[in-house]
Amino acid sequence: MKSQSPTRLPFDLSTIAEVFDIQKKRKCKVLEAWIHSSYQLSTVRQSLLDEVYEKSRDDMDYWNEEELKMHLISHLFYAADIVVAGKIAVYFERRMEKETNNHLLSVICDCMVATPKPFNKPAAPYFFLQEFKKGKSGQIDPEAQMLIAMLIAQHQNKDGKPIYGSYVIGRHWYFTTLLGNQYCQANPFDATIKKDLYQIVYVLRALKDLILSRL
């Protein structure tokens, strides 16, 4: 008897929650510890972040997705200084796929933080970021894309550890965690507010210690 082909899971939060019994929470210990991380930036990276803030705060609401990525997101990852040769790498526009629960999970990750394989191929992924300029009223839901990427990583890693994520809509950054079927989301940070922008970088920087502790 011919086996049934897996059904591609749509970028729909309700469908994803039903298939994987996702339970959404507002406050979780793992998420709270992560988003309240603190760090002392080097003088060079602090100066860069201040410059990025001054140049971007009035324009980010009007950028398209690529402009948001090039003018802001890439600089924030540099300021966060999370790359470790052979251990932690940042990837952009990488496809991930996984068959599970008789469903095909597939997504192009706007940004991913993972341990690298030779020739810069991502191995174990730990953090995903999806960004969408036009908001959740558009045709593609960045939160649903991010959650599918997190589920792929969870089933790929199979280590029972949290998966970290964020989706960005214009100036607003929403940080999330997935542990088992517990999906947690923090209130958004506003990147046009300087203290929020710094905290976004601290949260990204905390990924470095979180990932290194697993290796």
N, C-alpha and C. Protein backbone atom coordinates (compact mmCIF):
# COMPACT_ATOMS: atom_id res chain seq x y z
N MET A 1 0.85 -1.20 0.00
CA MET A 1 0.00 0.00 0.00
C MET A 1 0.88 1.24 0.00
N LYS A 2 0.57 2.19 -0.88
CA LYS A 2 1.38 3.38 -1.01
C LYS A 2 1.18 4.28 0.21
N SER A 3 2.27 4.74 0.80
CA SER A 3 2.19 5.59 1.97
C SER A 3 1.66 6.97 1.58
N GLN A 4 0.94 7.59 2.49
CA GLN A 4 0.36 8.90 2.25
C GLN A 4 1.42 9.99 2.35
N SER A 5 1.42 10.89 1.38
CA SER A 5 2.39 11.98 1.39
C SER A 5 2.05 12.94 2.53
N PRO A 6 3.09 13.48 3.19
CA PRO A 6 2.81 14.42 4.28
C PRO A 6 2.17 15.70 3.77
N THR A 7 1.31 16.29 4.59
CA THR A 7 0.63 17.54 4.26
C THR A 7 1.50 18.72 4.68
N ARG A 8 1.71 19.66 3.78
CA ARG A 8 2.49 20.85 4.12
C ARG A 8 1.71 21.70 5.11
N LEU A 9 2.32 22.00 6.24
CA LEU A 9 1.65 22.78 7.27
C LEU A 9 1.66 24.26 6.88
N PRO A 10 0.51 24.90 6.85
CA PRO A 10 0.47 26.32 6.45
C PRO A 10 1.00 27.23 7.54
N PHE A 11 1.30 28.46 7.16
CA PHE A 11 1.74 29.48 8.12
C PHE A 11 0.52 30.07 8.82
N ASP A 12 -0.11 29.24 9.62
CA ASP A 12 -1.32 29.62 10.33
C ASP A 12 -1.20 29.19 11.79
N LEU A 13 -1.22 30.15 12.71
CA LEU A 13 -0.97 29.85 14.11
C LEU A 13 -1.98 28.88 14.70
N SER A 14 -3.24 29.02 14.33
CA SER A 14 -4.28 28.14 14.86
C SER A 14 -4.04 26.70 14.43
N THR A 15 -3.69 26.51 13.16
CA THR A 15 -3.43 25.16 12.65
C THR A 15 -2.19 24.55 13.31
N ILE A 16 -1.14 25.35 13.44
CA ILE A 16 0.09 24.88 14.08
C ILE A 16 -0.19 24.46 15.52
N ALA A 17 -0.95 25.29 16.25
CA ALA A 17 -1.26 24.99 17.65
C ALA A 17 -2.06 23.70 17.77
N GLU A 18 -2.98 23.48 16.84
CA GLU A 18 -3.81 22.27 16.89
C GLU A 18 -3.00 21.02 16.60
N VAL A 19 -2.15 21.07 15.60
CA VAL A 19 -1.35 19.90 15.21
C VAL A 19 -0.35 19.52 16.28
N PHE A 20 0.28 20.52 16.93
CA PHE A 20 1.34 20.24 17.89
C PHE A 20 0.95 20.53 19.34
N ASP A 21 -0.33 20.74 19.58
CA ASP A 21 -0.85 20.98 20.93
C ASP A 21 -0.06 22.10 21.61
N ILE A 22 0.16 23.18 20.90
CA ILE A 22 0.93 24.31 21.43
C ILE A 22 0.10 25.05 22.47
N GLN A 23 0.70 25.27 23.64
CA GLN A 23 0.06 26.02 24.71
C GLN A 23 0.79 27.35 24.87
N LYS A 24 0.09 28.44 24.60
CA LYS A 24 0.72 29.75 24.66
C LYS A 24 0.66 30.33 26.07
N LYS A 25 1.81 30.81 26.55
CA LYS A 25 1.90 31.41 27.88
C LYS A 25 2.48 32.82 27.76
N ARG A 26 2.16 33.66 28.71
CA ARG A 26 2.70 35.01 28.71
C ARG A 26 3.98 35.13 29.54
N LYS A 27 4.07 34.35 30.62
CA LYS A 27 5.25 34.42 31.47
C LYS A 27 5.80 33.03 31.70
N CYS A 28 7.08 32.87 31.41
CA CYS A 28 7.79 31.60 31.62
C CYS A 28 9.17 31.93 32.17
N LYS A 29 9.69 31.08 33.03
CA LYS A 29 10.99 31.35 33.65
C LYS A 29 12.10 31.48 32.61
N VAL A 30 12.10 30.60 31.64
CA VAL A 30 13.16 30.63 30.62
C VAL A 30 13.11 31.94 29.84
N LEU A 31 11.92 32.35 29.44
CA LEU A 31 11.77 33.59 28.68
C LEU A 31 12.13 34.80 29.53
N GLU A 32 11.64 34.84 30.77
CA GLU A 32 11.88 35.98 31.64
C GLU A 32 13.38 36.17 31.91
N ALA A 33 14.08 35.06 32.16
CA ALA A 33 15.52 35.15 32.41
C ALA A 33 16.24 35.67 31.18
N TRP A 34 15.81 35.25 30.00
CA TRP A 34 16.46 35.63 28.75
C TRP A 34 16.26 37.12 28.45
N ILE A 35 15.01 37.60 28.51
CA ILE A 35 14.75 38.98 28.08
C ILE A 35 15.24 40.02 29.08
N HIS A 36 15.59 39.59 30.29
CA HIS A 36 16.12 40.52 31.29
C HIS A 36 17.65 40.42 31.41
N SER A 37 18.28 39.84 30.41
CA SER A 37 19.73 39.73 30.40
C SER A 37 20.38 41.12 30.36
N SER A 38 21.56 41.22 30.93
CA SER A 38 22.31 42.48 30.87
C SER A 38 23.73 42.18 30.40
N TYR A 39 24.39 43.20 29.89
CA TYR A 39 25.73 43.01 29.35
C TYR A 39 26.39 44.36 29.19
N GLN A 40 27.71 44.40 29.30
CA GLN A 40 28.48 45.62 29.11
C GLN A 40 29.13 45.58 27.73
N LEU A 41 28.67 46.44 26.83
CA LEU A 41 29.23 46.47 25.49
C LEU A 41 30.62 47.11 25.50
N SER A 42 31.45 46.69 24.56
CA SER A 42 32.74 47.36 24.39
C SER A 42 32.50 48.78 23.87
N THR A 43 33.50 49.62 24.02
CA THR A 43 33.37 51.01 23.57
C THR A 43 33.08 51.08 22.08
N VAL A 44 33.75 50.23 21.30
CA VAL A 44 33.57 50.23 19.85
C VAL A 44 32.14 49.85 19.48
N ARG A 45 31.63 48.78 20.11
CA ARG A 45 30.29 48.31 19.77
C ARG A 45 29.21 49.25 20.30
N GLN A 46 29.47 49.89 21.42
CA GLN A 46 28.52 50.86 21.94
C GLN A 46 28.43 52.08 21.02
N SER A 47 29.58 52.53 20.53
CA SER A 47 29.60 53.66 19.60
C SER A 47 28.84 53.31 18.31
N LEU A 48 29.04 52.08 17.83
CA LEU A 48 28.32 51.63 16.63
C LEU A 48 26.82 51.63 16.88
N LEU A 49 26.41 51.09 18.03
CA LEU A 49 24.99 51.01 18.34
C LEU A 49 24.36 52.40 18.45
N ASP A 50 25.08 53.33 19.06
CA ASP A 50 24.58 54.70 19.16
C ASP A 50 24.41 55.32 17.77
N GLU A 51 25.35 55.05 16.90
CA GLU A 51 25.28 55.59 15.54
C GLU A 51 24.11 54.98 14.77
N VAL A 52 23.95 53.66 14.91
CA VAL A 52 22.83 52.98 14.25
C VAL A 52 21.50 53.54 14.74
N TYR A 53 21.42 53.78 16.03
CA TYR A 53 20.18 54.33 16.60
C TYR A 53 19.86 55.69 16.00
N GLU A 54 20.84 56.56 15.95
CA GLU A 54 20.61 57.91 15.44
C GLU A 54 20.20 57.90 13.97
N LYS A 55 20.76 56.97 13.21
CA LYS A 55 20.49 56.94 11.77
C LYS A 55 19.21 56.20 11.41
N SER A 56 18.70 55.36 12.33
CA SER A 56 17.59 54.49 11.97
C SER A 56 16.27 54.81 12.65
N ARG A 57 16.28 55.52 13.76
CA ARG A 57 15.06 55.65 14.56
C ARG A 57 13.92 56.34 13.81
N ASP A 58 14.24 57.26 12.90
CA ASP A 58 13.19 57.99 12.19
C ASP A 58 12.76 57.31 10.89
N ASP A 59 13.52 56.31 10.47
CA ASP A 59 13.26 55.71 9.15
C ASP A 59 12.75 54.28 9.19
N MET A 60 12.95 53.56 10.30
CA MET A 60 12.68 52.12 10.28
C MET A 60 11.22 51.76 10.01
N ASP A 61 10.29 52.66 10.33
CA ASP A 61 8.88 52.39 10.03
C ASP A 61 8.60 52.41 8.52
N TYR A 62 9.53 52.94 7.74
CA TYR A 62 9.31 53.10 6.31
C TYR A 62 10.20 52.18 5.46
N TRP A 63 11.06 51.41 6.10
CA TRP A 63 11.91 50.48 5.36
C TRP A 63 11.12 49.25 4.91
N ASN A 64 11.57 48.67 3.80
CA ASN A 64 11.05 47.35 3.44
C ASN A 64 11.86 46.29 4.19
N GLU A 65 11.55 45.01 3.94
CA GLU A 65 12.19 43.94 4.72
C GLU A 65 13.71 43.92 4.55
N GLU A 66 14.18 44.08 3.31
CA GLU A 66 15.61 44.03 3.07
C GLU A 66 16.33 45.22 3.70
N GLU A 67 15.72 46.39 3.65
CA GLU A 67 16.31 47.58 4.26
C GLU A 67 16.38 47.43 5.77
N LEU A 68 15.33 46.86 6.36
CA LEU A 68 15.33 46.62 7.80
C LEU A 68 16.46 45.67 8.19
N LYS A 69 16.65 44.66 7.37
CA LYS A 69 17.70 43.67 7.65
C LYS A 69 19.09 44.28 7.51
N MET A 70 19.31 45.05 6.44
CA MET A 70 20.63 45.58 6.16
C MET A 70 20.99 46.77 7.05
N HIS A 71 20.03 47.65 7.29
CA HIS A 71 20.31 48.87 8.03
C HIS A 71 20.24 48.71 9.54
N LEU A 72 19.53 47.68 10.01
CA LEU A 72 19.36 47.55 11.46
C LEU A 72 19.76 46.17 11.98
N ILE A 73 19.08 45.12 11.51
CA ILE A 73 19.24 43.80 12.11
C ILE A 73 20.68 43.31 12.04
N SER A 74 21.33 43.46 10.90
CA SER A 74 22.72 42.98 10.78
C SER A 74 23.64 43.72 11.74
N HIS A 75 23.41 45.01 11.95
CA HIS A 75 24.24 45.79 12.88
C HIS A 75 24.00 45.37 14.33
N LEU A 76 22.77 45.03 14.65
CA LEU A 76 22.47 44.61 16.03
C LEU A 76 23.16 43.29 16.35
N PHE A 77 23.21 42.39 15.38
CA PHE A 77 23.93 41.13 15.62
C PHE A 77 25.42 41.37 15.76
N TYR A 78 25.96 42.32 14.99
CA TYR A 78 27.38 42.64 15.16
C TYR A 78 27.64 43.23 16.54
N ALA A 79 26.78 44.15 16.98
CA ALA A 79 26.94 44.76 18.30
C ALA A 79 26.83 43.71 19.40
N ALA A 80 25.98 42.70 19.18
CA ALA A 80 25.80 41.65 20.19
C ALA A 80 27.00 40.72 20.30
N ASP A 81 27.82 40.65 19.24
CA ASP A 81 29.08 39.89 19.29
C ASP A 81 28.85 38.44 19.72
N ILE A 82 27.97 37.74 19.01
CA ILE A 82 27.66 36.36 19.43
C ILE A 82 28.38 35.29 18.61
N VAL A 83 29.02 35.68 17.52
CA VAL A 83 29.68 34.68 16.67
C VAL A 83 30.94 34.15 17.35
N VAL A 84 31.07 32.82 17.35
CA VAL A 84 32.26 32.14 17.87
C VAL A 84 32.72 31.16 16.79
N ALA A 85 33.92 31.32 16.29
CA ALA A 85 34.40 30.49 15.18
C ALA A 85 34.27 29.01 15.51
N GLY A 86 33.63 28.28 14.62
CA GLY A 86 33.48 26.84 14.77
C GLY A 86 32.39 26.42 15.74
N LYS A 87 31.75 27.40 16.43
CA LYS A 87 30.76 27.06 17.45
C LYS A 87 29.41 27.76 17.27
N ILE A 88 29.43 29.04 16.92
CA ILE A 88 28.19 29.80 16.75
C ILE A 88 28.32 30.65 15.49
N ALA A 89 27.31 30.57 14.63
CA ALA A 89 27.29 31.37 13.40
C ALA A 89 25.89 31.93 13.18
N VAL A 90 25.83 33.04 12.46
CA VAL A 90 24.56 33.68 12.11
C VAL A 90 24.33 33.48 10.62
N TYR A 91 23.14 33.01 10.26
CA TYR A 91 22.80 32.71 8.87
C TYR A 91 21.58 33.53 8.46
N PHE A 92 21.51 33.87 7.17
CA PHE A 92 20.37 34.58 6.62
C PHE A 92 19.81 33.82 5.42
N GLU A 93 18.48 33.82 5.29
CA GLU A 93 17.79 33.24 4.14
C GLU A 93 18.16 31.77 3.92
N ARG A 94 18.02 30.97 4.97
CA ARG A 94 18.29 29.52 4.86
C ARG A 94 16.97 28.76 4.97
N ARG A 95 16.79 27.76 4.08
CA ARG A 95 15.59 26.94 4.10
C ARG A 95 15.75 25.78 5.10
N MET A 96 14.68 25.51 5.83
CA MET A 96 14.63 24.35 6.72
C MET A 96 13.37 23.55 6.42
N GLU A 97 13.49 22.21 6.45
CA GLU A 97 12.35 21.33 6.24
C GLU A 97 12.44 20.13 7.17
N LYS A 98 11.27 19.65 7.58
CA LYS A 98 11.22 18.47 8.44
C LYS A 98 9.84 17.83 8.32
N GLU A 99 9.82 16.50 8.19
CA GLU A 99 8.55 15.78 8.21
C GLU A 99 8.31 15.24 9.61
N THR A 100 7.17 15.58 10.19
CA THR A 100 6.82 15.10 11.52
C THR A 100 5.31 15.18 11.70
N ASN A 101 4.74 14.28 12.49
CA ASN A 101 3.29 14.24 12.71
C ASN A 101 2.52 14.17 11.39
N ASN A 102 3.13 13.51 10.40
CA ASN A 102 2.55 13.38 9.06
C ASN A 102 2.33 14.74 8.39
N HIS A 103 3.13 15.70 8.79
CA HIS A 103 3.09 17.03 8.17
C HIS A 103 4.50 17.41 7.72
N LEU A 104 4.56 18.17 6.64
CA LEU A 104 5.82 18.73 6.17
C LEU A 104 5.93 20.15 6.69
N LEU A 105 6.96 20.39 7.49
CA LEU A 105 7.25 21.73 7.97
C LEU A 105 8.34 22.31 7.08
N SER A 106 8.09 23.46 6.51
CA SER A 106 9.06 24.06 5.60
C SER A 106 9.00 25.57 5.71
N VAL A 107 10.17 26.20 5.80
CA VAL A 107 10.23 27.65 5.93
C VAL A 107 11.60 28.15 5.49
N ILE A 108 11.63 29.34 4.94
CA ILE A 108 12.89 30.03 4.69
C ILE A 108 13.13 30.97 5.87
N CYS A 109 14.20 30.74 6.59
CA CYS A 109 14.49 31.51 7.81
C CYS A 109 15.15 32.83 7.44
N ASP A 110 14.53 33.92 7.81
CA ASP A 110 15.15 35.22 7.55
C ASP A 110 16.50 35.31 8.25
N CYS A 111 16.57 34.81 9.48
CA CYS A 111 17.81 34.81 10.23
C CYS A 111 17.81 33.63 11.19
N MET A 112 18.95 32.98 11.33
CA MET A 112 19.09 31.82 12.19
C MET A 112 20.43 31.85 12.90
N VAL A 113 20.46 31.47 14.18
CA VAL A 113 21.71 31.30 14.90
C VAL A 113 21.86 29.82 15.19
N ALA A 114 22.98 29.25 14.76
CA ALA A 114 23.16 27.80 14.86
C ALA A 114 24.63 27.46 15.02
N THR A 115 24.89 26.23 15.44
CA THR A 115 26.27 25.73 15.39
C THR A 115 26.56 25.38 13.93
N PRO A 116 27.78 25.64 13.46
CA PRO A 116 28.09 25.43 12.05
C PRO A 116 28.73 24.07 11.77
N LYS A 117 28.45 23.55 10.58
CA LYS A 117 29.17 22.42 10.02
C LYS A 117 30.27 22.97 9.12
N PRO A 118 31.17 22.09 8.62
CA PRO A 118 32.18 22.57 7.66
C PRO A 118 31.52 23.25 6.46
N PHE A 119 32.23 24.21 5.89
CA PHE A 119 31.78 25.00 4.75
C PHE A 119 30.51 25.80 5.08
N ASN A 120 30.43 26.21 6.34
CA ASN A 120 29.41 27.16 6.79
C ASN A 120 27.97 26.68 6.56
N LYS A 121 27.72 25.42 6.82
CA LYS A 121 26.36 24.89 6.76
C LYS A 121 25.82 24.78 8.18
N PRO A 122 24.60 25.27 8.45
CA PRO A 122 24.07 25.20 9.82
C PRO A 122 23.82 23.77 10.27
N ALA A 123 24.18 23.50 11.51
CA ALA A 123 23.96 22.18 12.11
C ALA A 123 22.79 22.29 13.08
N ALA A 124 23.06 22.37 14.38
CA ALA A 124 22.00 22.48 15.38
C ALA A 124 21.56 23.94 15.51
N PRO A 125 20.31 24.26 15.19
CA PRO A 125 19.82 25.63 15.30
C PRO A 125 19.20 25.91 16.67
N TYR A 126 19.37 27.15 17.15
CA TYR A 126 18.88 27.50 18.48
C TYR A 126 18.00 28.75 18.49
N PHE A 127 18.16 29.63 17.51
CA PHE A 127 17.41 30.88 17.51
C PHE A 127 17.00 31.23 16.08
N PHE A 128 15.76 31.75 15.96
CA PHE A 128 15.24 32.16 14.66
C PHE A 128 14.64 33.55 14.75
N LEU A 129 14.81 34.32 13.69
CA LEU A 129 14.20 35.63 13.61
C LEU A 129 13.50 35.76 12.26
N GLN A 130 12.25 36.16 12.30
CA GLN A 130 11.51 36.47 11.07
C GLN A 130 11.08 37.93 11.13
N GLU A 131 11.21 38.62 10.02
CA GLU A 131 10.84 40.03 10.01
C GLU A 131 9.92 40.30 8.83
N PHE A 132 8.93 41.15 9.10
CA PHE A 132 7.94 41.45 8.07
C PHE A 132 7.49 42.89 8.23
N LYS A 133 7.77 43.72 7.26
CA LYS A 133 7.54 45.16 7.36
C LYS A 133 6.06 45.52 7.49
N LYS A 134 5.17 44.82 6.80
CA LYS A 134 3.80 45.30 6.64
C LYS A 134 2.86 44.84 7.75
N GLY A 135 3.37 44.16 8.77
CA GLY A 135 2.52 43.78 9.89
C GLY A 135 1.77 42.50 9.66
N LYS A 136 1.05 42.06 10.69
CA LYS A 136 0.40 40.76 10.65
C LYS A 136 -0.88 40.76 9.83
N SER A 137 -1.27 41.92 9.32
CA SER A 137 -2.42 41.96 8.43
C SER A 137 -2.05 41.55 7.01
N GLY A 138 -0.76 41.36 6.75
CA GLY A 138 -0.30 40.95 5.44
C GLY A 138 -0.59 39.48 5.17
N GLN A 139 -0.17 39.01 4.02
CA GLN A 139 -0.48 37.64 3.60
C GLN A 139 0.34 36.61 4.37
N ILE A 140 1.52 36.98 4.83
CA ILE A 140 2.40 36.03 5.52
C ILE A 140 2.58 36.49 6.96
N ASP A 141 2.35 35.57 7.90
CA ASP A 141 2.46 35.87 9.32
C ASP A 141 3.86 35.53 9.79
N PRO A 142 4.68 36.53 10.19
CA PRO A 142 6.05 36.24 10.60
C PRO A 142 6.10 35.40 11.87
N GLU A 143 5.12 35.53 12.76
CA GLU A 143 5.10 34.72 13.97
C GLU A 143 4.91 33.25 13.64
N ALA A 144 4.01 32.96 12.70
CA ALA A 144 3.78 31.57 12.29
C ALA A 144 5.01 30.99 11.61
N GLN A 145 5.68 31.78 10.77
CA GLN A 145 6.93 31.32 10.14
C GLN A 145 7.97 30.99 11.19
N MET A 146 8.12 31.89 12.15
CA MET A 146 9.10 31.68 13.22
C MET A 146 8.78 30.43 14.02
N LEU A 147 7.50 30.22 14.36
CA LEU A 147 7.12 29.07 15.17
C LEU A 147 7.36 27.76 14.43
N ILE A 148 7.11 27.73 13.14
CA ILE A 148 7.41 26.53 12.36
C ILE A 148 8.91 26.25 12.37
N ALA A 149 9.73 27.29 12.22
CA ALA A 149 11.18 27.10 12.29
C ALA A 149 11.59 26.57 13.66
N MET A 150 10.99 27.07 14.72
CA MET A 150 11.31 26.61 16.07
C MET A 150 10.91 25.14 16.25
N LEU A 151 9.78 24.74 15.69
CA LEU A 151 9.35 23.34 15.77
C LEU A 151 10.30 22.42 15.00
N ILE A 152 10.75 22.88 13.85
CA ILE A 152 11.73 22.10 13.08
C ILE A 152 12.99 21.89 13.90
N ALA A 153 13.48 22.97 14.51
CA ALA A 153 14.69 22.87 15.33
C ALA A 153 14.47 21.95 16.52
N GLN A 154 13.32 22.03 17.15
CA GLN A 154 13.01 21.18 18.30
C GLN A 154 13.05 19.71 17.93
N HIS A 155 12.46 19.36 16.79
CA HIS A 155 12.44 17.96 16.36
C HIS A 155 13.80 17.53 15.80
N GLN A 156 14.56 18.46 15.29
CA GLN A 156 15.90 18.14 14.77
C GLN A 156 16.91 17.96 15.90
N ASN A 157 16.88 18.86 16.88
CA ASN A 157 17.86 18.81 17.97
C ASN A 157 17.59 17.66 18.94
N LYS A 158 16.33 17.45 19.26
CA LYS A 158 15.90 16.36 20.15
C LYS A 158 16.70 16.32 21.46
N ASP A 159 16.88 17.51 22.08
CA ASP A 159 17.65 17.55 23.32
C ASP A 159 16.83 18.04 24.52
N GLY A 160 15.54 18.32 24.28
CA GLY A 160 14.69 18.77 25.38
C GLY A 160 15.00 20.16 25.88
N LYS A 161 15.81 20.90 25.16
CA LYS A 161 16.22 22.26 25.57
C LYS A 161 15.35 23.30 24.86
N PRO A 162 15.28 24.51 25.42
CA PRO A 162 14.46 25.56 24.79
C PRO A 162 15.00 25.97 23.42
N ILE A 163 14.06 26.35 22.56
CA ILE A 163 14.39 27.00 21.30
C ILE A 163 13.97 28.46 21.44
N TYR A 164 14.80 29.36 20.95
CA TYR A 164 14.57 30.79 21.11
C TYR A 164 14.17 31.42 19.78
N GLY A 165 13.33 32.45 19.85
CA GLY A 165 12.89 33.07 18.61
C GLY A 165 12.51 34.53 18.78
N SER A 166 12.36 35.20 17.65
CA SER A 166 11.88 36.58 17.64
C SER A 166 11.24 36.85 16.29
N TYR A 167 10.17 37.62 16.31
CA TYR A 167 9.66 38.14 15.04
C TYR A 167 9.59 39.66 15.17
N VAL A 168 9.90 40.31 14.06
CA VAL A 168 10.06 41.76 14.04
C VAL A 168 9.06 42.35 13.06
N ILE A 169 8.28 43.30 13.54
CA ILE A 169 7.34 44.02 12.68
C ILE A 169 7.69 45.50 12.78
N GLY A 170 8.40 45.99 11.77
CA GLY A 170 8.83 47.39 11.81
C GLY A 170 9.75 47.64 12.99
N ARG A 171 9.33 48.49 13.91
CA ARG A 171 10.13 48.85 15.08
C ARG A 171 9.99 47.86 16.23
N HIS A 172 9.01 46.99 16.19
CA HIS A 172 8.68 46.15 17.34
C HIS A 172 9.30 44.76 17.24
N TRP A 173 9.99 44.37 18.32
CA TRP A 173 10.64 43.07 18.43
C TRP A 173 9.92 42.24 19.50
N TYR A 174 9.42 41.07 19.09
CA TYR A 174 8.73 40.16 20.01
C TYR A 174 9.63 38.94 20.23
N PHE A 175 10.07 38.71 21.46
CA PHE A 175 10.92 37.56 21.78
C PHE A 175 10.08 36.42 22.33
N THR A 176 10.44 35.20 21.94
CA THR A 176 9.65 34.02 22.29
C THR A 176 10.56 32.85 22.65
N THR A 177 9.99 31.88 23.35
CA THR A 177 10.67 30.61 23.62
C THR A 177 9.71 29.47 23.39
N LEU A 178 10.26 28.32 23.05
CA LEU A 178 9.48 27.08 22.90
C LEU A 178 10.19 25.99 23.67
N LEU A 179 9.50 25.44 24.68
CA LEU A 179 10.03 24.35 25.49
C LEU A 179 8.94 23.30 25.60
N GLY A 180 9.18 22.13 24.99
CA GLY A 180 8.11 21.16 24.88
C GLY A 180 7.00 21.75 24.02
N ASN A 181 5.78 21.77 24.56
CA ASN A 181 4.68 22.40 23.82
C ASN A 181 4.32 23.76 24.42
N GLN A 182 5.17 24.26 25.32
CA GLN A 182 4.93 25.55 25.97
C GLN A 182 5.59 26.68 25.16
N TYR A 183 4.73 27.49 24.56
CA TYR A 183 5.19 28.60 23.72
C TYR A 183 4.96 29.90 24.49
N CYS A 184 6.03 30.65 24.72
CA CYS A 184 5.95 31.85 25.55
C CYS A 184 6.36 33.07 24.74
N GLN A 185 5.67 34.19 24.99
CA GLN A 185 5.94 35.41 24.24
C GLN A 185 5.99 36.60 25.19
N ALA A 186 7.03 37.43 25.03
CA ALA A 186 7.19 38.62 25.85
C ALA A 186 6.53 39.82 25.19
N ASN A 187 6.29 40.86 25.97
CA ASN A 187 5.83 42.12 25.40
C ASN A 187 6.90 42.67 24.47
N PRO A 188 6.52 43.41 23.45
CA PRO A 188 7.50 43.86 22.45
C PRO A 188 8.45 44.93 22.97
N PHE A 189 9.65 44.93 22.40
CA PHE A 189 10.60 46.03 22.57
C PHE A 189 10.48 46.95 21.36
N ASP A 190 10.56 48.25 21.59
CA ASP A 190 10.44 49.25 20.53
C ASP A 190 11.84 49.74 20.18
N ALA A 191 12.32 49.40 18.99
CA ALA A 191 13.69 49.73 18.60
C ALA A 191 13.91 51.21 18.38
N THR A 192 12.84 52.03 18.36
CA THR A 192 13.03 53.48 18.25
C THR A 192 13.26 54.11 19.62
N ILE A 193 13.15 53.32 20.67
CA ILE A 193 13.45 53.78 22.04
C ILE A 193 14.84 53.25 22.39
N LYS A 194 15.75 54.13 22.76
CA LYS A 194 17.15 53.75 22.90
C LYS A 194 17.36 52.64 23.92
N LYS A 195 16.72 52.73 25.07
CA LYS A 195 16.93 51.69 26.10
C LYS A 195 16.40 50.34 25.62
N ASP A 196 15.33 50.35 24.83
CA ASP A 196 14.81 49.10 24.26
C ASP A 196 15.78 48.54 23.23
N LEU A 197 16.35 49.42 22.41
CA LEU A 197 17.31 48.96 21.41
C LEU A 197 18.50 48.28 22.08
N TYR A 198 19.00 48.90 23.14
CA TYR A 198 20.11 48.29 23.88
C TYR A 198 19.69 46.94 24.47
N GLN A 199 18.47 46.86 24.99
CA GLN A 199 18.03 45.60 25.58
C GLN A 199 17.88 44.51 24.53
N ILE A 200 17.47 44.88 23.33
CA ILE A 200 17.41 43.91 22.23
C ILE A 200 18.80 43.31 22.01
N VAL A 201 19.82 44.16 22.01
CA VAL A 201 21.19 43.67 21.81
C VAL A 201 21.62 42.78 22.97
N TYR A 202 21.25 43.14 24.19
CA TYR A 202 21.60 42.31 25.35
C TYR A 202 20.94 40.93 25.26
N VAL A 203 19.69 40.90 24.79
CA VAL A 203 18.98 39.63 24.65
C VAL A 203 19.66 38.77 23.58
N LEU A 204 20.04 39.40 22.47
CA LEU A 204 20.76 38.65 21.43
C LEU A 204 22.11 38.17 21.95
N ARG A 205 22.80 39.01 22.71
CA ARG A 205 24.11 38.64 23.27
C ARG A 205 23.99 37.44 24.21
N ALA A 206 22.89 37.36 24.95
CA ALA A 206 22.71 36.26 25.89
C ALA A 206 22.65 34.91 25.19
N LEU A 207 22.29 34.91 23.90
CA LEU A 207 22.27 33.65 23.15
C LEU A 207 23.64 32.99 23.13
N LYS A 208 24.67 33.80 23.13
CA LYS A 208 26.04 33.28 23.08
C LYS A 208 26.31 32.35 24.27
N ASP A 209 26.00 32.81 25.46
CA ASP A 209 26.23 32.00 26.66
C ASP A 209 25.28 30.80 26.71
N LEU A 210 24.03 31.02 26.28
CA LEU A 210 23.05 29.94 26.30
C LEU A 210 23.46 28.80 25.38
N ILE A 211 23.97 29.17 24.21
CA ILE A 211 24.38 28.13 23.24
C ILE A 211 25.66 27.46 23.69
N LEU A 212 26.65 28.25 24.12
CA LEU A 212 27.92 27.65 24.56
C LEU A 212 27.73 26.70 25.73
N SER A 213 26.74 26.95 26.56
CA SER A 213 26.49 26.06 27.71
C SER A 213 25.99 24.69 27.29
N ARG A 214 25.52 24.56 26.03
CA ARG A 214 25.01 23.28 25.54
C ARG A 214 26.06 22.47 24.80
N LEU A 215 27.14 23.13 24.42
CA LEU A 215 28.15 22.46 23.57
C LEU A 215 29.16 21.67 24.41
